[in-house]
Amino acid sequence: MTLAPINSSSELSHVASAVLAWYDAHRRHLPWRAAPGAPASPYGVWLSEIMLQQTTVSTVIPYFEAFMRRWPHIRDLAAAEREEVLRAWAGLGYYARARNLHACARKVSADLCGRFPDDESELRALPGIGPYTAAAIAAIAFQRPAVVVDGNIERIMARLHRVETPLPRAKPRLHDLAAALTPQVRPGDYAQGLMDIGAGICRPKAPSCPDCPLKPHCRAAEAGAPEDYPRREARKKRPSRF
């Protein structure tokens, strides 16, 4: 039997419940995460998200732990000299991130009494924080039902709904689909659950569909073609000179 599109409130709720149940049992234990159902430290979430841009989790962990030992509060990081922060960042690359990190710490410390705002638009106004990072902080640290969409979540949405529009044109559609599934309760755990499923199960190649909590709802898995999604634009052939 071919699965119908995911649009009923019942199935939308079942998807979120499946992700949360899986997260409670199988989540990655990362130093910036809180226990399921508990809000995480805004400072820790922000620091980890900035470090994770263009960088793997395994690379980030020791840097995150070193920063937290050295500067356990955002005021401590704000008080540090920029060159000191850049030296501690050495090896992570993309040094604009470190400069923005320090500038953001100083702004939050000086202008916001050392507290991150819980509003996405206010978060985006801070140095180095774009739409994704703002949504991640709002959802994970403040339990706001922000729509968190990274590459892993885009892939899950494309497969779950069997979206035929190729990337990057599909991005707005994938964001809308993610928004429809985002729960009001435990949105941060839900987002992190999707990230973990995308990283360990719904991989770009050789996805482990039998282990996926979303398999009963996945239109691409039902069609036997998960690796065909997300669709990609066909490469244009270069004109021959002969």
Protein backbone atom coordinates (compact mmCIF):
# COMPACT_ATOMS: atom_id res chain seq x y z
CA MET A 1 0.00 0.00 0.00
CA THR A 2 1.35 3.43 -0.96
CA LEU A 3 1.52 5.87 1.92
CA ALA A 4 -0.48 9.07 1.57
CA PRO A 5 1.23 12.44 2.14
CA ILE A 6 1.92 13.31 5.76
CA ASN A 7 -0.67 15.96 6.55
CA SER A 8 -3.01 14.56 9.20
CA SER A 9 -2.60 15.97 12.69
CA SER A 10 -2.50 12.42 14.01
CA GLU A 11 0.46 11.35 11.89
CA LEU A 12 2.28 14.63 12.47
CA SER A 13 1.97 13.98 16.20
CA HIS A 14 3.14 10.38 15.81
CA VAL A 15 6.28 11.51 13.98
CA ALA A 16 7.24 13.90 16.78
CA SER A 17 6.47 11.28 19.45
CA ALA A 18 8.61 8.69 17.63
CA VAL A 19 11.56 11.09 17.47
CA LEU A 20 11.30 11.98 21.16
CA ALA A 21 10.99 8.35 22.27
CA TRP A 22 14.02 7.43 20.18
CA TYR A 23 15.98 10.39 21.55
CA ASP A 24 15.25 9.41 25.14
CA ALA A 25 16.69 5.94 24.52
CA HIS A 26 19.42 6.48 21.93
CA ARG A 27 20.61 10.10 22.01
CA ARG A 28 24.26 10.98 21.73
CA HIS A 29 25.68 12.07 25.08
CA LEU A 30 27.41 15.34 24.26
CA PRO A 31 28.91 17.76 26.80
CA TRP A 32 26.66 20.67 25.81
CA ARG A 33 23.43 18.72 26.13
CA ALA A 34 21.07 18.60 29.09
CA ALA A 35 19.03 15.62 30.24
CA PRO A 36 15.90 14.92 28.16
CA GLY A 37 13.14 17.37 28.98
CA ALA A 38 15.48 19.86 30.64
CA PRO A 39 16.62 23.15 29.08
CA ALA A 40 20.31 23.34 28.27
CA SER A 41 22.66 26.21 29.11
CA PRO A 42 22.19 29.01 26.54
CA TYR A 43 25.91 29.75 26.76
CA GLY A 44 26.83 26.12 26.14
CA VAL A 45 24.36 25.72 23.28
CA TRP A 46 25.59 28.91 21.62
CA LEU A 47 29.26 27.99 22.04
CA SER A 48 28.73 24.48 20.66
CA GLU A 49 26.67 25.68 17.69
CA ILE A 50 29.29 28.23 16.67
CA MET A 51 32.05 25.61 16.96
CA LEU A 52 30.03 23.03 15.02
CA GLN A 53 29.73 25.25 11.95
CA GLN A 54 31.80 23.51 9.23
CA THR A 55 33.34 21.23 11.90
CA THR A 56 32.64 17.67 13.07
CA VAL A 57 31.29 16.78 16.50
CA SER A 58 34.36 14.68 17.37
CA THR A 59 36.65 17.62 16.60
CA VAL A 60 34.55 20.10 18.56
CA ILE A 61 34.20 18.17 21.84
CA PRO A 62 37.73 18.77 23.23
CA TYR A 63 37.64 22.44 22.19
CA PHE A 64 34.24 22.92 23.80
CA GLU A 65 35.40 21.33 27.03
CA ALA A 66 38.59 23.41 27.05
CA PHE A 67 36.65 26.65 26.51
CA MET A 68 34.20 25.79 29.27
CA ARG A 69 37.01 25.05 31.71
CA ARG A 70 38.79 28.27 30.84
CA TRP A 71 35.73 30.53 30.49
CA PRO A 72 32.81 28.87 32.34
CA HIS A 73 30.50 31.89 31.96
CA ILE A 74 29.95 34.26 29.07
CA ARG A 75 31.25 37.13 31.21
CA ASP A 76 34.55 35.26 31.55
CA LEU A 77 34.82 34.90 27.78
CA ALA A 78 33.90 38.56 27.30
CA ALA A 79 36.66 39.62 29.68
CA ALA A 80 39.32 37.69 27.77
CA GLU A 81 41.53 39.37 25.19
CA ARG A 82 40.60 38.56 21.62
CA GLU A 83 44.07 37.22 20.87
CA GLU A 84 43.73 34.84 23.81
CA VAL A 85 40.46 33.52 22.39
CA LEU A 86 41.98 33.15 18.93
CA ARG A 87 44.88 31.14 20.36
CA ALA A 88 42.45 28.82 22.16
CA TRP A 89 40.55 28.45 18.87
CA ALA A 90 43.67 27.47 16.91
CA GLY A 91 43.05 24.29 14.93
CA LEU A 92 39.30 24.76 14.46
CA GLY A 93 39.75 27.01 11.44
CA TYR A 94 37.36 29.61 10.03
CA TYR A 95 38.69 32.23 12.43
CA ALA A 96 35.90 34.69 11.67
CA ARG A 97 33.81 32.44 13.91
CA ALA A 98 36.17 33.06 16.83
CA ARG A 99 36.17 36.82 16.27
CA ASN A 100 32.37 36.87 16.12
CA LEU A 101 32.24 34.60 19.17
CA HIS A 102 34.25 37.08 21.20
CA ALA A 103 32.28 40.07 19.88
CA CYS A 104 29.01 38.33 20.72
CA ALA A 105 30.20 37.47 24.23
CA ARG A 106 31.10 41.11 24.85
CA LYS A 107 27.76 42.37 23.53
CA VAL A 108 25.71 39.91 25.59
CA SER A 109 27.79 40.67 28.67
CA ALA A 110 27.72 44.46 28.29
CA ASP A 111 24.27 45.07 26.80
CA LEU A 112 22.18 42.13 28.00
CA CYS A 113 23.50 41.57 31.54
CA GLY A 114 25.19 38.33 30.45
CA ARG A 115 21.94 36.67 29.35
CA PHE A 116 21.04 35.49 25.88
CA PRO A 117 17.61 36.54 24.60
CA ASP A 118 15.09 33.78 23.96
CA ASP A 119 13.64 35.44 20.86
CA GLU A 120 14.95 34.37 17.43
CA SER A 121 14.96 37.86 15.95
CA GLU A 122 16.89 39.23 18.93
CA LEU A 123 19.35 36.34 18.72
CA ARG A 124 19.92 37.00 15.01
CA ALA A 125 20.90 40.57 15.85
CA LEU A 126 23.95 39.30 17.74
CA PRO A 127 27.34 38.92 16.00
CA GLY A 128 27.83 35.59 14.24
CA ILE A 129 24.31 34.26 14.85
CA GLY A 130 22.32 33.40 11.72
CA PRO A 131 18.84 31.92 11.30
CA TYR A 132 19.85 28.31 12.02
CA THR A 133 21.90 29.12 15.14
CA ALA A 134 19.16 31.42 16.46
CA ALA A 135 16.56 28.69 16.02
CA ALA A 136 18.80 26.10 17.68
CA ILE A 137 19.41 28.31 20.72
CA ALA A 138 15.72 29.22 21.02
CA ALA A 139 14.61 25.59 20.81
CA ILE A 140 17.32 23.81 22.78
CA ALA A 141 18.07 26.37 25.49
CA PHE A 142 14.66 28.04 25.85
CA GLN A 143 12.19 25.36 24.70
CA ARG A 144 10.71 27.66 22.06
CA PRO A 145 9.09 25.80 19.11
CA ALA A 146 11.62 27.25 16.68
CA VAL A 147 12.11 25.46 13.37
CA VAL A 148 15.64 24.03 13.40
CA VAL A 149 16.80 22.86 9.97
CA ASP A 150 20.36 21.74 9.24
CA GLY A 151 21.62 19.45 6.49
CA ASN A 152 20.65 16.32 8.41
CA ILE A 153 17.11 17.56 8.97
CA GLU A 154 16.75 18.65 5.34
CA ARG A 155 17.65 15.12 4.28
CA ILE A 156 15.15 13.57 6.68
CA MET A 157 12.35 15.88 5.52
CA ALA A 158 13.11 15.17 1.85
CA ARG A 159 12.96 11.41 2.45
CA LEU A 160 10.07 11.43 4.88
CA HIS A 161 7.87 13.34 2.43
CA ARG A 162 9.57 12.12 -0.76
CA VAL A 163 10.07 15.66 -1.99
CA GLU A 164 10.71 15.67 -5.74
CA THR A 165 11.91 19.28 -6.00
CA PRO A 166 15.73 19.24 -6.02
CA LEU A 167 18.01 21.17 -3.71
CA PRO A 168 18.62 24.03 -3.35
CA ARG A 169 15.19 24.96 -4.74
CA ALA A 170 13.54 22.63 -2.22
CA LYS A 171 14.89 24.49 0.83
CA PRO A 172 11.78 26.63 1.49
CA ARG A 173 9.53 23.58 1.09
CA LEU A 174 11.69 21.50 3.43
CA HIS A 175 11.61 24.29 6.02
CA ASP A 176 7.80 24.40 5.82
CA LEU A 177 7.60 20.62 6.23
CA ALA A 178 9.91 20.79 9.25
CA ALA A 179 7.77 23.56 10.73
CA ALA A 180 4.62 21.44 10.43
CA LEU A 181 6.28 18.64 12.41
CA THR A 182 7.94 20.74 15.14
CA PRO A 183 6.16 20.03 18.45
CA GLN A 184 5.21 22.60 21.06
CA VAL A 185 6.51 20.31 23.81
CA ARG A 186 10.25 19.53 24.00
CA PRO A 187 11.13 21.18 20.68
CA GLY A 188 14.82 21.21 21.58
CA ASP A 189 14.96 17.48 22.24
CA TYR A 190 12.99 16.90 19.05
CA ALA A 191 15.48 18.93 17.00
CA GLN A 192 18.45 17.15 18.56
CA GLY A 193 16.75 13.81 17.97
CA LEU A 194 16.42 14.58 14.27
CA MET A 195 20.06 15.68 14.16
CA ASP A 196 21.13 12.38 15.72
CA ILE A 197 18.92 10.31 13.43
CA GLY A 198 20.33 12.13 10.43
CA ALA A 199 23.91 11.71 11.59
CA GLY A 200 23.72 8.03 12.54
CA ILE A 201 20.78 6.42 10.73
CA CYS A 202 19.38 8.52 7.88
CA ARG A 203 22.83 8.98 6.38
CA PRO A 204 23.40 10.35 2.87
CA LYS A 205 24.69 6.94 1.76
CA ALA A 206 23.65 3.52 3.04
CA PRO A 207 20.93 4.71 5.44
CA SER A 208 20.01 2.19 8.12
CA CYS A 209 16.25 2.23 7.50
CA PRO A 210 15.45 -0.84 9.68
CA ASP A 211 16.80 1.06 12.70
CA CYS A 212 14.96 4.30 11.96
CA PRO A 213 12.04 5.28 14.21
CA LEU A 214 10.53 7.16 11.27
CA LYS A 215 10.47 4.22 8.86
CA PRO A 216 6.69 3.63 9.29
CA HIS A 217 6.11 7.20 8.09
CA CYS A 218 8.87 7.50 5.48
CA ARG A 219 7.63 7.80 1.92
CA ALA A 220 11.10 7.33 0.39
CA ALA A 221 11.73 4.17 2.43
CA GLU A 222 8.30 2.85 1.44
CA ALA A 223 9.28 3.38 -2.21
CA GLY A 224 12.58 1.56 -1.60
CA ALA A 225 14.60 4.57 -2.71
CA PRO A 226 15.82 6.60 0.28
CA GLU A 227 19.20 7.35 -1.29
CA ASP A 228 17.45 9.08 -4.19
CA TYR A 229 16.47 11.87 -1.79
CA PRO A 230 17.00 14.72 -1.44
CA ARG A 231 16.94 15.28 -5.17
CA ARG A 232 19.81 17.25 -6.66
CA GLU A 233 19.87 19.57 -9.64
CA ALA A 234 21.30 17.84 -12.68
CA ARG A 235 24.74 19.14 -13.52
CA LYS A 236 24.83 21.14 -16.69
CA LYS A 237 27.04 19.66 -19.34
CA ARG A 238 29.94 21.83 -20.34
CA PRO A 239 29.76 22.79 -24.00
CA SER A 240 32.29 21.05 -26.17
CA ARG A 241 34.86 23.21 -27.89
CA PHE A 242 35.04 20.81 -30.81
